[in-house]
Structures are given as structure tokens and as C-alpha cells.
Amino acid sequence: MKEQKKLTMELVKSLMDESYTLVWTDYNDNLDNRLDLIHECLASKSQEKLWEKADEWYRFI
């Protein structure tokens, strides 16, 4: 069985970009049930899928 890495702040920081853009979202739009999306972003080291999801939320505003 493959050993899983322990989630530490050092691991999280190693996966993060140097800076981020803050974006306002409605409280009803959240990632509570989208752990697959969060995992995909961490695995690819890209926030592109998060931007796509935010675009879906605000497409018709």
C-alpha cells in the first residue's frame, strides 16, 4: 500500500504560488462539496480550475 504524506504547513506552502488575487464570492458559492476540484488544483499546482469555477458562478451577473 502506498504511504500517504502527512499534511503539514510546509507541504501546503510548497504547493502554493508566491502571491494570489483575492476574489469576492457570494456566501452560497463555495467549495464545500468540491474536494475533487481542490485536489486537482493541488496536484496540478495550478489554480486554473478554480478560476473556471468562479467564472461559472459569475457568468450571468
PDB file of N, CA and C in Angstrom:
ATOM      1  N   MET A   1       0.843  -1.178   0.000  1.00  0.00           N
ATOM      2  CA  MET A   1       0.000   0.000   0.000  1.00  0.00           C
ATOM      3  C   MET A   1       0.891   1.246   0.000  1.00  0.00           C
ATOM      4  N   LYS A   2       0.499   2.218  -0.796  1.00  0.00           N
ATOM      5  CA  LYS A   2       1.273   3.448  -0.927  1.00  0.00           C
ATOM      6  C   LYS A   2       1.133   4.309   0.325  1.00  0.00           C
ATOM      7  N   GLU A   3       2.266   4.760   0.872  1.00  0.00           N
ATOM      8  CA  GLU A   3       2.249   5.605   2.057  1.00  0.00           C
ATOM      9  C   GLU A   3       1.818   7.011   1.682  1.00  0.00           C
ATOM     10  N   GLN A   4       0.890   7.576   2.463  1.00  0.00           N
ATOM     11  CA  GLN A   4       0.418   8.933   2.212  1.00  0.00           C
ATOM     12  C   GLN A   4       1.262   9.922   2.990  1.00  0.00           C
ATOM     13  N   LYS A   5       1.463  11.089   2.389  1.00  0.00           N
ATOM     14  CA  LYS A   5       2.202  12.150   3.061  1.00  0.00           C
ATOM     15  C   LYS A   5       1.316  12.775   4.128  1.00  0.00           C
ATOM     16  N   LYS A   6       1.945  13.214   5.207  1.00  0.00           N
ATOM     17  CA  LYS A   6       1.236  13.920   6.263  1.00  0.00           C
ATOM     18  C   LYS A   6       1.051  15.375   5.838  1.00  0.00           C
ATOM     19  N   LEU A   7      -0.151  15.895   6.028  1.00  0.00           N
ATOM     20  CA  LEU A   7      -0.456  17.276   5.658  1.00  0.00           C
ATOM     21  C   LEU A   7       0.161  18.212   6.689  1.00  0.00           C
ATOM     22  N   THR A   8       1.121  18.985   6.260  1.00  0.00           N
ATOM     23  CA  THR A   8       1.783  19.962   7.122  1.00  0.00           C
ATOM     24  C   THR A   8       1.752  21.315   6.429  1.00  0.00           C
ATOM     25  N   MET A   9       1.999  22.369   7.198  1.00  0.00           N
ATOM     26  CA  MET A   9       2.046  23.703   6.594  1.00  0.00           C
ATOM     27  C   MET A   9       3.186  23.804   5.590  1.00  0.00           C
ATOM     28  N   GLU A  10       4.274  23.117   5.843  1.00  0.00           N
ATOM     29  CA  GLU A  10       5.393  23.138   4.909  1.00  0.00           C
ATOM     30  C   GLU A  10       4.988  22.536   3.565  1.00  0.00           C
ATOM     31  N   LEU A  11       4.227  21.426   3.607  1.00  0.00           N
ATOM     32  CA  LEU A  11       3.752  20.807   2.369  1.00  0.00           C
ATOM     33  C   LEU A  11       2.800  21.746   1.639  1.00  0.00           C
ATOM     34  N   VAL A  12       1.867  22.334   2.375  1.00  0.00           N
ATOM     35  CA  VAL A  12       0.904  23.258   1.764  1.00  0.00           C
ATOM     36  C   VAL A  12       1.636  24.438   1.135  1.00  0.00           C
ATOM     37  N   LYS A  13       2.575  25.032   1.856  1.00  0.00           N
ATOM     38  CA  LYS A  13       3.331  26.172   1.332  1.00  0.00           C
ATOM     39  C   LYS A  13       4.126  25.796   0.088  1.00  0.00           C
ATOM     40  N   SER A  14       4.628  24.566   0.039  1.00  0.00           N
ATOM     41  CA  SER A  14       5.402  24.144  -1.133  1.00  0.00           C
ATOM     42  C   SER A  14       4.536  24.027  -2.381  1.00  0.00           C
ATOM     43  N   LEU A  15       3.233  23.882  -2.192  1.00  0.00           N
ATOM     44  CA  LEU A  15       2.312  23.754  -3.320  1.00  0.00           C
ATOM     45  C   LEU A  15       1.703  25.091  -3.740  1.00  0.00           C
ATOM     46  N   MET A  16       1.948  26.129  -2.954  1.00  0.00           N
ATOM     47  CA  MET A  16       1.329  27.425  -3.212  1.00  0.00           C
ATOM     48  C   MET A  16       2.192  28.329  -4.085  1.00  0.00           C
ATOM     49  N   ASP A  17       1.513  29.233  -4.800  1.00  0.00           N
ATOM     50  CA  ASP A  17       2.214  30.281  -5.534  1.00  0.00           C
ATOM     51  C   ASP A  17       2.719  31.327  -4.548  1.00  0.00           C
ATOM     52  N   GLU A  18       3.558  32.228  -5.040  1.00  0.00           N
ATOM     53  CA  GLU A  18       4.110  33.282  -4.193  1.00  0.00           C
ATOM     54  C   GLU A  18       3.044  34.299  -3.784  1.00  0.00           C
ATOM     55  N   SER A  19       2.097  34.559  -4.676  1.00  0.00           N
ATOM     56  CA  SER A  19       1.032  35.516  -4.362  1.00  0.00           C
ATOM     57  C   SER A  19      -0.268  35.077  -5.034  1.00  0.00           C
ATOM     58  N   TYR A  20      -1.370  35.632  -4.553  1.00  0.00           N
ATOM     59  CA  TYR A  20      -2.696  35.289  -5.058  1.00  0.00           C
ATOM     60  C   TYR A  20      -3.533  36.547  -5.205  1.00  0.00           C
ATOM     61  N   THR A  21      -4.556  36.480  -6.037  1.00  0.00           N
ATOM     62  CA  THR A  21      -5.512  37.554  -6.198  1.00  0.00           C
ATOM     63  C   THR A  21      -6.755  37.193  -5.391  1.00  0.00           C
ATOM     64  N   LEU A  22      -7.208  38.116  -4.543  1.00  0.00           N
ATOM     65  CA  LEU A  22      -8.419  37.869  -3.771  1.00  0.00           C
ATOM     66  C   LEU A  22      -9.632  38.169  -4.634  1.00  0.00           C
ATOM     67  N   VAL A  23     -10.623  37.294  -4.558  1.00  0.00           N
ATOM     68  CA  VAL A  23     -11.840  37.438  -5.353  1.00  0.00           C
ATOM     69  C   VAL A  23     -13.029  37.300  -4.425  1.00  0.00           C
ATOM     70  N   TRP A  24     -13.964  38.233  -4.515  1.00  0.00           N
ATOM     71  CA  TRP A  24     -15.171  38.165  -3.705  1.00  0.00           C
ATOM     72  C   TRP A  24     -16.114  37.150  -4.309  1.00  0.00           C
ATOM     73  N   THR A  25     -16.737  36.334  -3.461  1.00  0.00           N
ATOM     74  CA  THR A  25     -17.763  35.398  -3.918  1.00  0.00           C
ATOM     75  C   THR A  25     -18.954  35.487  -2.986  1.00  0.00           C
ATOM     76  N   ASP A  26     -20.095  35.125  -3.475  1.00  0.00           N
ATOM     77  CA  ASP A  26     -21.306  35.068  -2.680  1.00  0.00           C
ATOM     78  C   ASP A  26     -21.187  33.920  -1.676  1.00  0.00           C
ATOM     79  N   TYR A  27     -21.767  34.064  -0.499  1.00  0.00           N
ATOM     80  CA  TYR A  27     -21.634  33.018   0.516  1.00  0.00           C
ATOM     81  C   TYR A  27     -22.255  31.696   0.081  1.00  0.00           C
ATOM     82  N   ASN A  28     -23.182  31.715  -0.881  1.00  0.00           N
ATOM     83  CA  ASN A  28     -23.783  30.480  -1.390  1.00  0.00           C
ATOM     84  C   ASN A  28     -22.849  29.737  -2.352  1.00  0.00           C
ATOM     85  N   ASP A  29     -21.871  30.430  -2.891  1.00  0.00           N
ATOM     86  CA  ASP A  29     -20.917  29.825  -3.821  1.00  0.00           C
ATOM     87  C   ASP A  29     -19.691  29.415  -3.019  1.00  0.00           C
ATOM     88  N   ASN A  30     -19.531  28.141  -2.813  1.00  0.00           N
ATOM     89  CA  ASN A  30     -18.405  27.679  -2.011  1.00  0.00           C
ATOM     90  C   ASN A  30     -17.881  26.354  -2.552  1.00  0.00           C
ATOM     91  N   LEU A  31     -16.806  25.915  -1.970  1.00  0.00           N
ATOM     92  CA  LEU A  31     -16.152  24.684  -2.416  1.00  0.00           C
ATOM     93  C   LEU A  31     -16.361  23.549  -1.422  1.00  0.00           C
ATOM     94  N   ASP A  32     -17.382  23.659  -0.572  1.00  0.00           N
ATOM     95  CA  ASP A  32     -17.621  22.643   0.449  1.00  0.00           C
ATOM     96  C   ASP A  32     -17.739  21.239  -0.127  1.00  0.00           C
ATOM     97  N   ASN A  33     -18.389  21.113  -1.243  1.00  0.00           N
ATOM     98  CA  ASN A  33     -18.594  19.782  -1.843  1.00  0.00           C
ATOM     99  C   ASN A  33     -17.729  19.578  -3.083  1.00  0.00           C
ATOM    100  N   ARG A  34     -16.634  20.279  -3.176  1.00  0.00           N
ATOM    101  CA  ARG A  34     -15.771  20.199  -4.351  1.00  0.00           C
ATOM    102  C   ARG A  34     -14.338  19.832  -3.994  1.00  0.00           C
ATOM    103  N   LEU A  35     -14.168  18.862  -3.101  1.00  0.00           N
ATOM    104  CA  LEU A  35     -12.822  18.431  -2.735  1.00  0.00           C
ATOM    105  C   LEU A  35     -12.071  17.879  -3.938  1.00  0.00           C
ATOM    106  N   ASP A  36     -12.806  17.321  -4.916  1.00  0.00           N
ATOM    107  CA  ASP A  36     -12.166  16.836  -6.136  1.00  0.00           C
ATOM    108  C   ASP A  36     -11.491  17.981  -6.887  1.00  0.00           C
ATOM    109  N   LEU A  37     -12.135  19.126  -6.924  1.00  0.00           N
ATOM    110  CA  LEU A  37     -11.577  20.298  -7.596  1.00  0.00           C
ATOM    111  C   LEU A  37     -10.342  20.816  -6.855  1.00  0.00           C
ATOM    112  N   ILE A  38     -10.433  20.867  -5.543  1.00  0.00           N
ATOM    113  CA  ILE A  38      -9.289  21.314  -4.737  1.00  0.00           C
ATOM    114  C   ILE A  38      -8.115  20.358  -4.925  1.00  0.00           C
ATOM    115  N   HIS A  39      -8.382  19.066  -4.901  1.00  0.00           N
ATOM    116  CA  HIS A  39      -7.319  18.066  -5.089  1.00  0.00           C
ATOM    117  C   HIS A  39      -6.675  18.224  -6.469  1.00  0.00           C
ATOM    118  N   GLU A  40      -7.496  18.425  -7.483  1.00  0.00           N
ATOM    119  CA  GLU A  40      -6.975  18.593  -8.851  1.00  0.00           C
ATOM    120  C   GLU A  40      -6.062  19.824  -8.939  1.00  0.00           C
ATOM    121  N   CYS A  41      -6.448  20.913  -8.294  1.00  0.00           N
ATOM    122  CA  CYS A  41      -5.626  22.128  -8.308  1.00  0.00           C
ATOM    123  C   CYS A  41      -4.299  21.905  -7.589  1.00  0.00           C
ATOM    124  N   LEU A  42      -4.347  21.228  -6.450  1.00  0.00           N
ATOM    125  CA  LEU A  42      -3.109  20.949  -5.717  1.00  0.00           C
ATOM    126  C   LEU A  42      -2.200  20.021  -6.512  1.00  0.00           C
ATOM    127  N   ALA A  43      -2.784  19.003  -7.126  1.00  0.00           N
ATOM    128  CA  ALA A  43      -1.990  18.043  -7.886  1.00  0.00           C
ATOM    129  C   ALA A  43      -1.330  18.684  -9.097  1.00  0.00           C
ATOM    130  N   SER A  44      -2.047  19.607  -9.751  1.00  0.00           N
ATOM    131  CA  SER A  44      -1.509  20.250 -10.958  1.00  0.00           C
ATOM    132  C   SER A  44      -0.714  21.511 -10.629  1.00  0.00           C
ATOM    133  N   LYS A  45      -0.740  21.914  -9.345  1.00  0.00           N
ATOM    134  CA  LYS A  45      -0.085  23.153  -8.910  1.00  0.00           C
ATOM    135  C   LYS A  45      -0.553  24.345  -9.749  1.00  0.00           C
ATOM    136  N   SER A  46      -1.859  24.356 -10.005  1.00  0.00           N
ATOM    137  CA  SER A  46      -2.458  25.413 -10.820  1.00  0.00           C
ATOM    138  C   SER A  46      -3.830  25.766 -10.259  1.00  0.00           C
ATOM    139  N   GLN A  47      -4.148  27.029 -10.257  1.00  0.00           N
ATOM    140  CA  GLN A  47      -5.457  27.480  -9.803  1.00  0.00           C
ATOM    141  C   GLN A  47      -6.441  27.660 -10.948  1.00  0.00           C
ATOM    142  N   GLU A  48      -6.079  27.224 -12.130  1.00  0.00           N
ATOM    143  CA  GLU A  48      -6.908  27.426 -13.325  1.00  0.00           C
ATOM    144  C   GLU A  48      -8.331  26.877 -13.150  1.00  0.00           C
ATOM    145  N   LYS A  49      -8.479  25.690 -12.581  1.00  0.00           N
ATOM    146  CA  LYS A  49      -9.812  25.101 -12.400  1.00  0.00           C
ATOM    147  C   LYS A  49     -10.654  25.918 -11.416  1.00  0.00           C
ATOM    148  N   LEU A  50     -10.014  26.522 -10.420  1.00  0.00           N
ATOM    149  CA  LEU A  50     -10.752  27.394  -9.503  1.00  0.00           C
ATOM    150  C   LEU A  50     -11.264  28.639 -10.222  1.00  0.00           C
ATOM    151  N   TRP A  51     -10.438  29.212 -11.088  1.00  0.00           N
ATOM    152  CA  TRP A  51     -10.868  30.374 -11.877  1.00  0.00           C
ATOM    153  C   TRP A  51     -12.041  29.992 -12.772  1.00  0.00           C
ATOM    154  N   GLU A  52     -11.988  28.811 -13.366  1.00  0.00           N
ATOM    155  CA  GLU A  52     -13.088  28.361 -14.228  1.00  0.00           C
ATOM    156  C   GLU A  52     -14.377  28.234 -13.418  1.00  0.00           C
ATOM    157  N   LYS A  53     -14.281  27.695 -12.201  1.00  0.00           N
ATOM    158  CA  LYS A  53     -15.462  27.550 -11.348  1.00  0.00           C
ATOM    159  C   LYS A  53     -16.016  28.928 -10.968  1.00  0.00           C
ATOM    160  N   ALA A  54     -15.153  29.868 -10.628  1.00  0.00           N
ATOM    161  CA  ALA A  54     -15.596  31.231 -10.301  1.00  0.00           C
ATOM    162  C   ALA A  54     -16.267  31.876 -11.512  1.00  0.00           C
ATOM    163  N   ASP A  55     -15.729  31.631 -12.703  1.00  0.00           N
ATOM    164  CA  ASP A  55     -16.347  32.166 -13.926  1.00  0.00           C
ATOM    165  C   ASP A  55     -17.763  31.603 -14.112  1.00  0.00           C
ATOM    166  N   GLU A  56     -17.952  30.334 -13.796  1.00  0.00           N
ATOM    167  CA  GLU A  56     -19.295  29.730 -13.888  1.00  0.00           C
ATOM    168  C   GLU A  56     -20.262  30.427 -12.951  1.00  0.00           C
ATOM    169  N   TRP A  57     -19.806  30.711 -11.708  1.00  0.00           N
ATOM    170  CA  TRP A  57     -20.673  31.345 -10.726  1.00  0.00           C
ATOM    171  C   TRP A  57     -21.108  32.733 -11.170  1.00  0.00           C
ATOM    172  N   TYR A  58     -20.224  33.478 -11.836  1.00  0.00           N
ATOM    173  CA  TYR A  58     -20.494  34.875 -12.150  1.00  0.00           C
ATOM    174  C   TYR A  58     -20.722  35.160 -13.630  1.00  0.00           C
ATOM    175  N   ARG A  59     -20.943  34.136 -14.400  1.00  0.00           N
ATOM    176  CA  ARG A  59     -21.137  34.287 -15.841  1.00  0.00           C
ATOM    177  C   ARG A  59     -22.325  35.190 -16.173  1.00  0.00           C
ATOM    178  N   PHE A  60     -23.384  35.117 -15.394  1.00  0.00           N
ATOM    179  CA  PHE A  60     -24.626  35.816 -15.759  1.00  0.00           C
ATOM    180  C   PHE A  60     -24.881  37.070 -14.937  1.00  0.00           C
ATOM    181  N   ILE A  61     -23.883  37.572 -14.246  1.00  0.00           N
ATOM    182  CA  ILE A  61     -24.058  38.802 -13.453  1.00  0.00           C
ATOM    183  C   ILE A  61     -23.910  40.012 -14.346  1.00  0.00           C
TER     184      ILE A  61
END
